[in-house]
Amino acid sequence: MIYIGHLDLLRYFQKSIRRAGIDIAYSEGFSPHQIMSFAAPLGVGTYSNAEYCDIVVNSATSAKEMIKALNDVNVEGVEIVNITKLEDGVKNAMATVANADYIIDCSEKYLEEVDINRIDEFYNQPEINVFKKTKRSAKISDLKPMINDMKLMDIESDCIRDASGNEKCSAKAKVFLSLKTGSVANLKPELVMDAFWQYCNGVKYDEAFLKELENKQKEIDLLRQKGKKVFKLQFEDTSPHMPDYSISVTRNEIYDENMVSLDKLGTDF
């Protein structure tokens, strides 16, 4: 399921809701569509134990009957675990989500290039600065305000004995991350783990790089003030980064701004 994009998952649920006979409400207009929204859609390649979706229905039986009806038509790997009723006027899940917990599985390749025991040292810095580039800007950003918590969970070693009796061991580690997530502030766990990799490998941005970055951004801002359209910032970060596919990310839970899990916001029916 990690290789299915958000829009494909949305279309899948539209079809499964129809097959399950759920009396879902539709929008008005020339092209009616099911009233449905997902909380903090995940990117392709990320595992998740906490996916939430809001739907508006015209009528409903009970949560137990709806769960059974949906799971009877779901494919293997997709399971509805709970349904609750939201009170009138409550913000939808997408607007409610503000924080998320992640479990990061670090591969042997990643662990070979970092000292995983420096997690606390990294997290306790007053600032965690990284280079961030978007279509509109490129700047050095401080990640620290968007990290709620970061800690090493465990380190383990998997050993396999081949046919010749030789034992081959590989190290694995799990890291816990609690990050700001949502429309107000959003931080990807991959960016934090890449920043930790750079920290362990002594990657720093020198004064010349920062000055060039500042001048380039001023140039872009001046063009925009003059009404010019600037669609792409011509600026590259040539600093080293963590190896591709060296970590695996699982979103474990998502919360509102008060760190209340989204499944606690509704009522049973």
C-alpha atoms as a PDB file:
ATOM      1  CA  MET A   1       0.000   0.000   0.000  1.00  0.00           C
ATOM      2  CA  ILE A   2       2.936   2.374   0.467  1.00  0.00           C
ATOM      3  CA  TYR A   3       3.295   2.670  -3.318  1.00  0.00           C
ATOM      4  CA  ILE A   4      -0.288   3.854  -3.851  1.00  0.00           C
ATOM      5  CA  GLY A   5      -0.595   7.621  -4.228  1.00  0.00           C
ATOM      6  CA  HIS A   6      -3.099   9.745  -2.323  1.00  0.00           C
ATOM      7  CA  LEU A   7      -5.394  10.383  -5.311  1.00  0.00           C
ATOM      8  CA  ASP A   8      -5.531   6.666  -6.108  1.00  0.00           C
ATOM      9  CA  LEU A   9      -6.421   5.937  -2.467  1.00  0.00           C
ATOM     10  CA  LEU A  10      -9.130   8.609  -2.613  1.00  0.00           C
ATOM     11  CA  ARG A  11     -10.646   7.007  -5.729  1.00  0.00           C
ATOM     12  CA  TYR A  12     -10.429   3.600  -4.074  1.00  0.00           C
ATOM     13  CA  PHE A  13     -12.484   4.760  -1.061  1.00  0.00           C
ATOM     14  CA  GLN A  14     -15.033   6.460  -3.303  1.00  0.00           C
ATOM     15  CA  LYS A  15     -15.666   3.104  -4.957  1.00  0.00           C
ATOM     16  CA  SER A  16     -15.596   1.032  -1.753  1.00  0.00           C
ATOM     17  CA  ILE A  17     -18.106   3.381  -0.076  1.00  0.00           C
ATOM     18  CA  ARG A  18     -20.480   2.911  -3.009  1.00  0.00           C
ATOM     19  CA  ARG A  19     -20.015  -0.885  -2.941  1.00  0.00           C
ATOM     20  CA  ALA A  20     -20.648  -0.938   0.832  1.00  0.00           C
ATOM     21  CA  GLY A  21     -23.934   0.911   0.379  1.00  0.00           C
ATOM     22  CA  ILE A  22     -22.987   3.827   2.644  1.00  0.00           C
ATOM     23  CA  ASP A  23     -25.484   6.704   2.228  1.00  0.00           C
ATOM     24  CA  ILE A  24     -22.794   9.305   1.623  1.00  0.00           C
ATOM     25  CA  ALA A  25     -23.677  12.907   0.772  1.00  0.00           C
ATOM     26  CA  TYR A  26     -22.662  14.495  -2.525  1.00  0.00           C
ATOM     27  CA  SER A  27     -21.732  18.050  -3.349  1.00  0.00           C
ATOM     28  CA  GLU A  28     -24.089  20.139  -5.446  1.00  0.00           C
ATOM     29  CA  GLY A  29     -23.452  21.511  -8.905  1.00  0.00           C
ATOM     30  CA  PHE A  30     -22.815  20.159 -12.396  1.00  0.00           C
ATOM     31  CA  SER A  31     -20.187  17.649 -11.224  1.00  0.00           C
ATOM     32  CA  PRO A  32     -21.303  16.176  -7.868  1.00  0.00           C
ATOM     33  CA  HIS A  33     -18.671  14.320  -5.859  1.00  0.00           C
ATOM     34  CA  GLN A  34     -18.652  12.524  -2.531  1.00  0.00           C
ATOM     35  CA  ILE A  35     -17.985  14.847   0.410  1.00  0.00           C
ATOM     36  CA  MET A  36     -14.802  13.302   1.759  1.00  0.00           C
ATOM     37  CA  SER A  37     -11.435  14.574   3.021  1.00  0.00           C
ATOM     38  CA  PHE A  38      -8.268  12.931   4.344  1.00  0.00           C
ATOM     39  CA  ALA A  39      -6.165  14.201   7.240  1.00  0.00           C
ATOM     40  CA  ALA A  40      -2.547  14.958   6.249  1.00  0.00           C
ATOM     41  CA  PRO A  41      -2.221  12.744   3.146  1.00  0.00           C
ATOM     42  CA  LEU A  42       1.034  10.815   3.042  1.00  0.00           C
ATOM     43  CA  GLY A  43       3.597  10.779   0.277  1.00  0.00           C
ATOM     44  CA  VAL A  44       4.310   7.638  -1.696  1.00  0.00           C
ATOM     45  CA  GLY A  45       6.722   5.292   0.102  1.00  0.00           C
ATOM     46  CA  THR A  46       5.625   6.063   3.673  1.00  0.00           C
ATOM     47  CA  TYR A  47       3.997   3.444   5.898  1.00  0.00           C
ATOM     48  CA  SER A  48       1.147   4.457   8.202  1.00  0.00           C
ATOM     49  CA  ASN A  49      -0.744   3.115  11.204  1.00  0.00           C
ATOM     50  CA  ALA A  50      -2.885   6.238  11.495  1.00  0.00           C
ATOM     51  CA  GLU A  51      -4.995   7.280   8.528  1.00  0.00           C
ATOM     52  CA  TYR A  52      -8.113   9.374   9.092  1.00  0.00           C
ATOM     53  CA  CYS A  53     -10.882  10.345   6.690  1.00  0.00           C
ATOM     54  CA  ASP A  54     -13.987  12.516   7.124  1.00  0.00           C
ATOM     55  CA  ILE A  55     -17.182  11.775   5.221  1.00  0.00           C
ATOM     56  CA  VAL A  56     -20.618  13.415   5.310  1.00  0.00           C
ATOM     57  CA  VAL A  57     -23.583  11.034   5.199  1.00  0.00           C
ATOM     58  CA  ASN A  58     -27.313  11.554   4.730  1.00  0.00           C
ATOM     59  CA  SER A  59     -28.137   8.708   7.123  1.00  0.00           C
ATOM     60  CA  ALA A  60     -26.249   6.151   9.184  1.00  0.00           C
ATOM     61  CA  THR A  61     -27.006   2.936  11.047  1.00  0.00           C
ATOM     62  CA  SER A  62     -24.304   2.224  13.641  1.00  0.00           C
ATOM     63  CA  ALA A  63     -20.526   2.390  13.626  1.00  0.00           C
ATOM     64  CA  LYS A  64     -20.307  -1.402  13.987  1.00  0.00           C
ATOM     65  CA  GLU A  65     -22.515  -2.026  10.948  1.00  0.00           C
ATOM     66  CA  MET A  66     -20.690   0.573   8.830  1.00  0.00           C
ATOM     67  CA  ILE A  67     -17.279  -0.881   9.736  1.00  0.00           C
ATOM     68  CA  LYS A  68     -18.446  -4.386   8.766  1.00  0.00           C
ATOM     69  CA  ALA A  69     -19.973  -3.190   5.493  1.00  0.00           C
ATOM     70  CA  LEU A  70     -16.790  -1.389   4.475  1.00  0.00           C
ATOM     71  CA  ASN A  71     -14.394  -4.152   5.520  1.00  0.00           C
ATOM     72  CA  ASP A  72     -16.472  -6.729   3.635  1.00  0.00           C
ATOM     73  CA  VAL A  73     -15.646  -4.920   0.371  1.00  0.00           C
ATOM     74  CA  ASN A  74     -12.113  -3.752   1.215  1.00  0.00           C
ATOM     75  CA  VAL A  75      -9.082  -5.337  -0.396  1.00  0.00           C
ATOM     76  CA  GLU A  76      -6.384  -7.030   1.659  1.00  0.00           C
ATOM     77  CA  GLY A  77      -4.204  -4.439   3.396  1.00  0.00           C
ATOM     78  CA  VAL A  78      -6.980  -1.875   3.938  1.00  0.00           C
ATOM     79  CA  GLU A  79      -9.047  -2.133   7.125  1.00  0.00           C
ATOM     80  CA  ILE A  80     -11.450   0.284   8.803  1.00  0.00           C
ATOM     81  CA  VAL A  81     -10.699   0.063  12.530  1.00  0.00           C
ATOM     82  CA  ASN A  82     -13.012   2.710  13.984  1.00  0.00           C
ATOM     83  CA  ILE A  83     -15.788   5.146  13.035  1.00  0.00           C
ATOM     84  CA  THR A  84     -16.937   8.011  15.262  1.00  0.00           C
ATOM     85  CA  LYS A  85     -19.445  10.814  14.881  1.00  0.00           C
ATOM     86  CA  LEU A  86     -18.304  14.429  14.855  1.00  0.00           C
ATOM     87  CA  GLU A  87     -20.446  17.175  16.313  1.00  0.00           C
ATOM     88  CA  ASP A  88     -21.830  19.910  14.066  1.00  0.00           C
ATOM     89  CA  GLY A  89     -19.377  22.750  13.497  1.00  0.00           C
ATOM     90  CA  VAL A  90     -16.251  20.699  14.268  1.00  0.00           C
ATOM     91  CA  LYS A  91     -13.359  21.278  11.882  1.00  0.00           C
ATOM     92  CA  ASN A  92     -12.605  18.447   9.488  1.00  0.00           C
ATOM     93  CA  ALA A  93      -9.585  16.192  10.010  1.00  0.00           C
ATOM     94  CA  MET A  94      -7.401  18.024   7.513  1.00  0.00           C
ATOM     95  CA  ALA A  95      -7.873  21.316   9.379  1.00  0.00           C
ATOM     96  CA  THR A  96      -7.563  19.694  12.814  1.00  0.00           C
ATOM     97  CA  VAL A  97      -4.273  17.809  12.465  1.00  0.00           C
ATOM     98  CA  ALA A  98      -1.269  19.659  13.914  1.00  0.00           C
ATOM     99  CA  ASN A  99       1.193  17.014  15.146  1.00  0.00           C
ATOM    100  CA  ALA A 100       2.304  13.522  14.176  1.00  0.00           C
ATOM    101  CA  ASP A 101       4.432  10.694  15.579  1.00  0.00           C
ATOM    102  CA  TYR A 102       6.804   8.771  13.327  1.00  0.00           C
ATOM    103  CA  ILE A 103       8.921   5.645  13.731  1.00  0.00           C
ATOM    104  CA  ILE A 104      12.083   5.733  11.617  1.00  0.00           C
ATOM    105  CA  ASP A 105      13.772   2.437  10.739  1.00  0.00           C
ATOM    106  CA  CYS A 106      17.427   3.166   9.998  1.00  0.00           C
ATOM    107  CA  SER A 107      19.149   0.767   7.628  1.00  0.00           C
ATOM    108  CA  GLU A 108      22.644  -0.609   8.064  1.00  0.00           C
ATOM    109  CA  LYS A 109      23.725   1.746   5.287  1.00  0.00           C
ATOM    110  CA  TYR A 110      22.520   4.760   7.259  1.00  0.00           C
ATOM    111  CA  LEU A 111      24.029   3.528  10.530  1.00  0.00           C
ATOM    112  CA  GLU A 112      27.431   3.057   8.909  1.00  0.00           C
ATOM    113  CA  GLU A 113      27.604   6.797   8.242  1.00  0.00           C
ATOM    114  CA  VAL A 114      26.260   8.226  11.524  1.00  0.00           C
ATOM    115  CA  ASP A 115      26.805   7.798  15.246  1.00  0.00           C
ATOM    116  CA  ILE A 116      23.230   6.959  16.213  1.00  0.00           C
ATOM    117  CA  ASN A 117      24.020   7.515  19.889  1.00  0.00           C
ATOM    118  CA  ARG A 118      24.401  11.263  19.175  1.00  0.00           C
ATOM    119  CA  ILE A 119      20.628  11.672  18.755  1.00  0.00           C
ATOM    120  CA  ASP A 120      20.215  13.472  22.109  1.00  0.00           C
ATOM    121  CA  GLU A 121      23.218  15.692  21.414  1.00  0.00           C
ATOM    122  CA  PHE A 122      21.707  16.637  18.031  1.00  0.00           C
ATOM    123  CA  TYR A 123      18.211  17.265  19.386  1.00  0.00           C
ATOM    124  CA  ASN A 124      19.408  19.364  22.344  1.00  0.00           C
ATOM    125  CA  GLN A 125      21.013  21.966  20.098  1.00  0.00           C
ATOM    126  CA  PRO A 126      19.464  25.449  20.426  1.00  0.00           C
ATOM    127  CA  GLU A 127      19.012  25.510  16.618  1.00  0.00           C
ATOM    128  CA  ILE A 128      18.913  22.876  13.870  1.00  0.00           C
ATOM    129  CA  ASN A 129      19.579  24.753  10.648  1.00  0.00           C
ATOM    130  CA  VAL A 130      19.158  23.198   7.197  1.00  0.00           C
ATOM    131  CA  PHE A 131      19.016  24.416   3.633  1.00  0.00           C
ATOM    132  CA  LYS A 132      15.441  24.398   2.282  1.00  0.00           C
ATOM    133  CA  LYS A 133      14.593  25.125  -1.321  1.00  0.00           C
ATOM    134  CA  THR A 134      11.097  25.572  -2.750  1.00  0.00           C
ATOM    135  CA  LYS A 135       9.786  26.962  -6.030  1.00  0.00           C
ATOM    136  CA  ARG A 136       9.593  30.433  -4.489  1.00  0.00           C
ATOM    137  CA  SER A 137      12.547  30.614  -2.124  1.00  0.00           C
ATOM    138  CA  ALA A 138      15.772  29.100  -0.868  1.00  0.00           C
ATOM    139  CA  LYS A 139      16.902  29.739   2.675  1.00  0.00           C
ATOM    140  CA  ILE A 140      18.476  28.358   5.814  1.00  0.00           C
ATOM    141  CA  SER A 141      15.640  27.249   8.108  1.00  0.00           C
ATOM    142  CA  ASP A 142      15.636  26.289  11.787  1.00  0.00           C
ATOM    143  CA  LEU A 143      13.845  22.958  12.261  1.00  0.00           C
ATOM    144  CA  LYS A 144      13.982  22.979  16.065  1.00  0.00           C
ATOM    145  CA  PRO A 145      10.618  24.764  16.674  1.00  0.00           C
ATOM    146  CA  MET A 146       8.865  22.102  14.578  1.00  0.00           C
ATOM    147  CA  ILE A 147      10.354  19.094  16.405  1.00  0.00           C
ATOM    148  CA  ASN A 148       8.331  18.144  19.502  1.00  0.00           C
ATOM    149  CA  ASP A 149      10.541  15.215  20.453  1.00  0.00           C
ATOM    150  CA  MET A 150      13.300  13.015  19.054  1.00  0.00           C
ATOM    151  CA  LYS A 151      14.855   9.983  20.694  1.00  0.00           C
ATOM    152  CA  LEU A 152      16.527   6.667  19.977  1.00  0.00           C
ATOM    153  CA  MET A 153      14.149   3.768  20.642  1.00  0.00           C
ATOM    154  CA  ASP A 154      16.398   0.738  20.265  1.00  0.00           C
ATOM    155  CA  ILE A 155      19.331  -0.778  18.405  1.00  0.00           C
ATOM    156  CA  GLU A 156      19.300  -4.398  17.351  1.00  0.00           C
ATOM    157  CA  SER A 157      21.402  -6.786  15.320  1.00  0.00           C
ATOM    158  CA  ASP A 158      19.979  -9.367  12.910  1.00  0.00           C
ATOM    159  CA  CYS A 159      22.236 -12.355  12.290  1.00  0.00           C
ATOM    160  CA  ILE A 160      21.791 -14.922   9.520  1.00  0.00           C
ATOM    161  CA  ARG A 161      23.855 -18.110   9.145  1.00  0.00           C
ATOM    162  CA  ASP A 162      24.483 -19.200   5.550  1.00  0.00           C
ATOM    163  CA  ALA A 163      24.809 -22.755   4.189  1.00  0.00           C
ATOM    164  CA  SER A 164      28.514 -22.800   5.008  1.00  0.00           C
ATOM    165  CA  GLY A 165      27.850 -21.967   8.633  1.00  0.00           C
ATOM    166  CA  ASN A 166      29.167 -18.408   8.385  1.00  0.00           C
ATOM    167  CA  GLU A 167      27.214 -15.839  10.368  1.00  0.00           C
ATOM    168  CA  LYS A 168      26.417 -12.449   8.826  1.00  0.00           C
ATOM    169  CA  CYS A 169      25.040  -9.725  11.070  1.00  0.00           C
ATOM    170  CA  SER A 170      23.447  -6.398  10.171  1.00  0.00           C
ATOM    171  CA  ALA A 171      22.576  -3.561  12.540  1.00  0.00           C
ATOM    172  CA  LYS A 172      19.207  -1.815  12.688  1.00  0.00           C
ATOM    173  CA  ALA A 173      17.915   1.070  14.781  1.00  0.00           C
ATOM    174  CA  LYS A 174      14.576   2.745  15.402  1.00  0.00           C
ATOM    175  CA  VAL A 175      14.188   6.475  16.036  1.00  0.00           C
ATOM    176  CA  PHE A 176      11.050   8.148  17.415  1.00  0.00           C
ATOM    177  CA  LEU A 177      10.063  11.548  16.023  1.00  0.00           C
ATOM    178  CA  SER A 178       7.195  13.827  17.037  1.00  0.00           C
ATOM    179  CA  LEU A 179       6.819  16.644  14.501  1.00  0.00           C
ATOM    180  CA  LYS A 180       4.559  19.532  13.584  1.00  0.00           C
ATOM    181  CA  THR A 181       2.263  18.399  10.782  1.00  0.00           C
ATOM    182  CA  GLY A 182      -0.554  20.150   8.973  1.00  0.00           C
ATOM    183  CA  SER A 183      -1.458  23.356   7.186  1.00  0.00           C
ATOM    184  CA  VAL A 184       0.098  25.762   9.712  1.00  0.00           C
ATOM    185  CA  ALA A 185       3.499  24.060  10.078  1.00  0.00           C
ATOM    186  CA  ASN A 186       4.651  20.882   8.390  1.00  0.00           C
ATOM    187  CA  LEU A 187       7.981  19.094   8.748  1.00  0.00           C
ATOM    188  CA  LYS A 188       8.927  15.923   6.899  1.00  0.00           C
ATOM    189  CA  PRO A 189      10.750  13.280   8.975  1.00  0.00           C
ATOM    190  CA  GLU A 190      13.167  12.673   6.092  1.00  0.00           C
ATOM    191  CA  LEU A 191      14.427  16.244   6.434  1.00  0.00           C
ATOM    192  CA  VAL A 192      15.166  15.739  10.149  1.00  0.00           C
ATOM    193  CA  MET A 193      17.027  12.482   9.553  1.00  0.00           C
ATOM    194  CA  ASP A 194      19.005  14.100   6.736  1.00  0.00           C
ATOM    195  CA  ALA A 195      19.905  16.975   9.082  1.00  0.00           C
ATOM    196  CA  PHE A 196      21.108  14.430  11.650  1.00  0.00           C
ATOM    197  CA  TRP A 197      23.205  12.707   8.963  1.00  0.00           C
ATOM    198  CA  GLN A 198      24.779  16.070   8.034  1.00  0.00           C
ATOM    199  CA  TYR A 199      25.403  16.832  11.714  1.00  0.00           C
ATOM    200  CA  CYS A 200      27.256  13.537  12.215  1.00  0.00           C
ATOM    201  CA  ASN A 201      29.255  14.068   9.014  1.00  0.00           C
ATOM    202  CA  GLY A 202      30.259  17.650   9.802  1.00  0.00           C
ATOM    203  CA  VAL A 203      28.354  19.300   6.951  1.00  0.00           C
ATOM    204  CA  LYS A 204      28.225  23.043   7.487  1.00  0.00           C
ATOM    205  CA  TYR A 205      27.285  25.954   5.270  1.00  0.00           C
ATOM    206  CA  ASP A 206      30.155  28.412   5.007  1.00  0.00           C
ATOM    207  CA  GLU A 207      29.817  32.200   4.924  1.00  0.00           C
ATOM    208  CA  ALA A 208      30.312  32.384   1.142  1.00  0.00           C
ATOM    209  CA  PHE A 209      27.379  30.006   0.574  1.00  0.00           C
ATOM    210  CA  LEU A 210      25.109  31.935   2.939  1.00  0.00           C
ATOM    211  CA  LYS A 211      26.058  35.266   1.341  1.00  0.00           C
ATOM    212  CA  GLU A 212      25.368  33.940  -2.152  1.00  0.00           C
ATOM    213  CA  LEU A 213      22.047  32.558  -0.964  1.00  0.00           C
ATOM    214  CA  GLU A 214      21.082  35.885   0.608  1.00  0.00           C
ATOM    215  CA  ASN A 215      21.975  37.860  -2.527  1.00  0.00           C
ATOM    216  CA  LYS A 216      20.068  35.457  -4.779  1.00  0.00           C
ATOM    217  CA  GLN A 217      16.956  35.689  -2.606  1.00  0.00           C
ATOM    218  CA  LYS A 218      17.143  39.515  -2.593  1.00  0.00           C
ATOM    219  CA  GLU A 219      17.346  39.448  -6.381  1.00  0.00           C
ATOM    220  CA  ILE A 220      14.250  37.228  -6.590  1.00  0.00           C
ATOM    221  CA  ASP A 221      12.315  39.395  -4.106  1.00  0.00           C
ATOM    222  CA  LEU A 222      13.197  42.549  -6.076  1.00  0.00           C
ATOM    223  CA  LEU A 223      11.922  41.010  -9.309  1.00  0.00           C
ATOM    224  CA  ARG A 224       8.652  40.058  -7.615  1.00  0.00           C
ATOM    225  CA  GLN A 225       8.252  43.591  -6.218  1.00  0.00           C
ATOM    226  CA  LYS A 226       8.509  44.872  -9.779  1.00  0.00           C
ATOM    227  CA  GLY A 227       5.696  42.573 -10.836  1.00  0.00           C
ATOM    228  CA  LYS A 228       7.909  40.028 -12.554  1.00  0.00           C
ATOM    229  CA  LYS A 229       6.891  36.390 -12.396  1.00  0.00           C
ATOM    230  CA  VAL A 230       9.634  34.119 -11.106  1.00  0.00           C
ATOM    231  CA  PHE A 231       8.661  30.467 -11.354  1.00  0.00           C
ATOM    232  CA  LYS A 232      11.935  28.744 -10.523  1.00  0.00           C
ATOM    233  CA  LEU A 233      14.781  29.739  -8.275  1.00  0.00           C
ATOM    234  CA  GLN A 234      18.089  29.066 -10.019  1.00  0.00           C
ATOM    235  CA  PHE A 235      20.104  27.933  -7.032  1.00  0.00           C
ATOM    236  CA  GLU A 236      21.580  24.556  -6.154  1.00  0.00           C
ATOM    237  CA  ASP A 237      22.644  23.001  -2.869  1.00  0.00           C
ATOM    238  CA  THR A 238      25.816  21.012  -3.547  1.00  0.00           C
ATOM    239  CA  SER A 239      26.342  19.817   0.050  1.00  0.00           C
ATOM    240  CA  PRO A 240      26.283  16.039   0.726  1.00  0.00           C
ATOM    241  CA  HIS A 241      23.116  14.353   1.995  1.00  0.00           C
ATOM    242  CA  MET A 242      22.147  10.986   3.453  1.00  0.00           C
ATOM    243  CA  PRO A 243      22.073   8.027   1.028  1.00  0.00           C
ATOM    244  CA  ASP A 244      18.836   7.385  -0.851  1.00  0.00           C
ATOM    245  CA  TYR A 245      16.530   4.680   0.543  1.00  0.00           C
ATOM    246  CA  SER A 246      18.564   4.421   3.746  1.00  0.00           C
ATOM    247  CA  ILE A 247      15.596   4.952   6.091  1.00  0.00           C
ATOM    248  CA  SER A 248      12.020   3.720   6.247  1.00  0.00           C
ATOM    249  CA  VAL A 249       9.287   5.972   7.682  1.00  0.00           C
ATOM    250  CA  THR A 250       6.092   4.887   9.452  1.00  0.00           C
ATOM    251  CA  ARG A 251       3.544   7.416  10.695  1.00  0.00           C
ATOM    252  CA  ASN A 252       2.307   6.025  13.983  1.00  0.00           C
ATOM    253  CA  GLU A 253      -0.356   8.560  15.042  1.00  0.00           C
ATOM    254  CA  ILE A 254      -1.604  12.072  14.329  1.00  0.00           C
ATOM    255  CA  TYR A 255      -2.939  14.635  16.813  1.00  0.00           C
ATOM    256  CA  ASP A 256      -4.616  18.014  17.092  1.00  0.00           C
ATOM    257  CA  GLU A 257      -2.849  21.106  18.472  1.00  0.00           C
ATOM    258  CA  ASN A 258      -3.376  19.857  22.057  1.00  0.00           C
ATOM    259  CA  MET A 259      -1.796  16.453  21.276  1.00  0.00           C
ATOM    260  CA  VAL A 260      -5.170  14.708  21.398  1.00  0.00           C
ATOM    261  CA  SER A 261      -5.397  11.785  18.989  1.00  0.00           C
ATOM    262  CA  LEU A 262      -7.941  12.357  16.222  1.00  0.00           C
ATOM    263  CA  ASP A 263      -9.845   9.181  17.081  1.00  0.00           C
ATOM    264  CA  LYS A 264     -10.630  10.704  20.513  1.00  0.00           C
ATOM    265  CA  LEU A 265     -12.390  13.743  19.023  1.00  0.00           C
ATOM    266  CA  GLY A 266     -15.593  11.990  17.952  1.00  0.00           C
ATOM    267  CA  THR A 267     -18.306  10.115  19.812  1.00  0.00           C
ATOM    268  CA  ASP A 268     -19.454   6.501  19.431  1.00  0.00           C
ATOM    269  CA  PHE A 269     -22.826   5.828  17.862  1.00  0.00           C
END
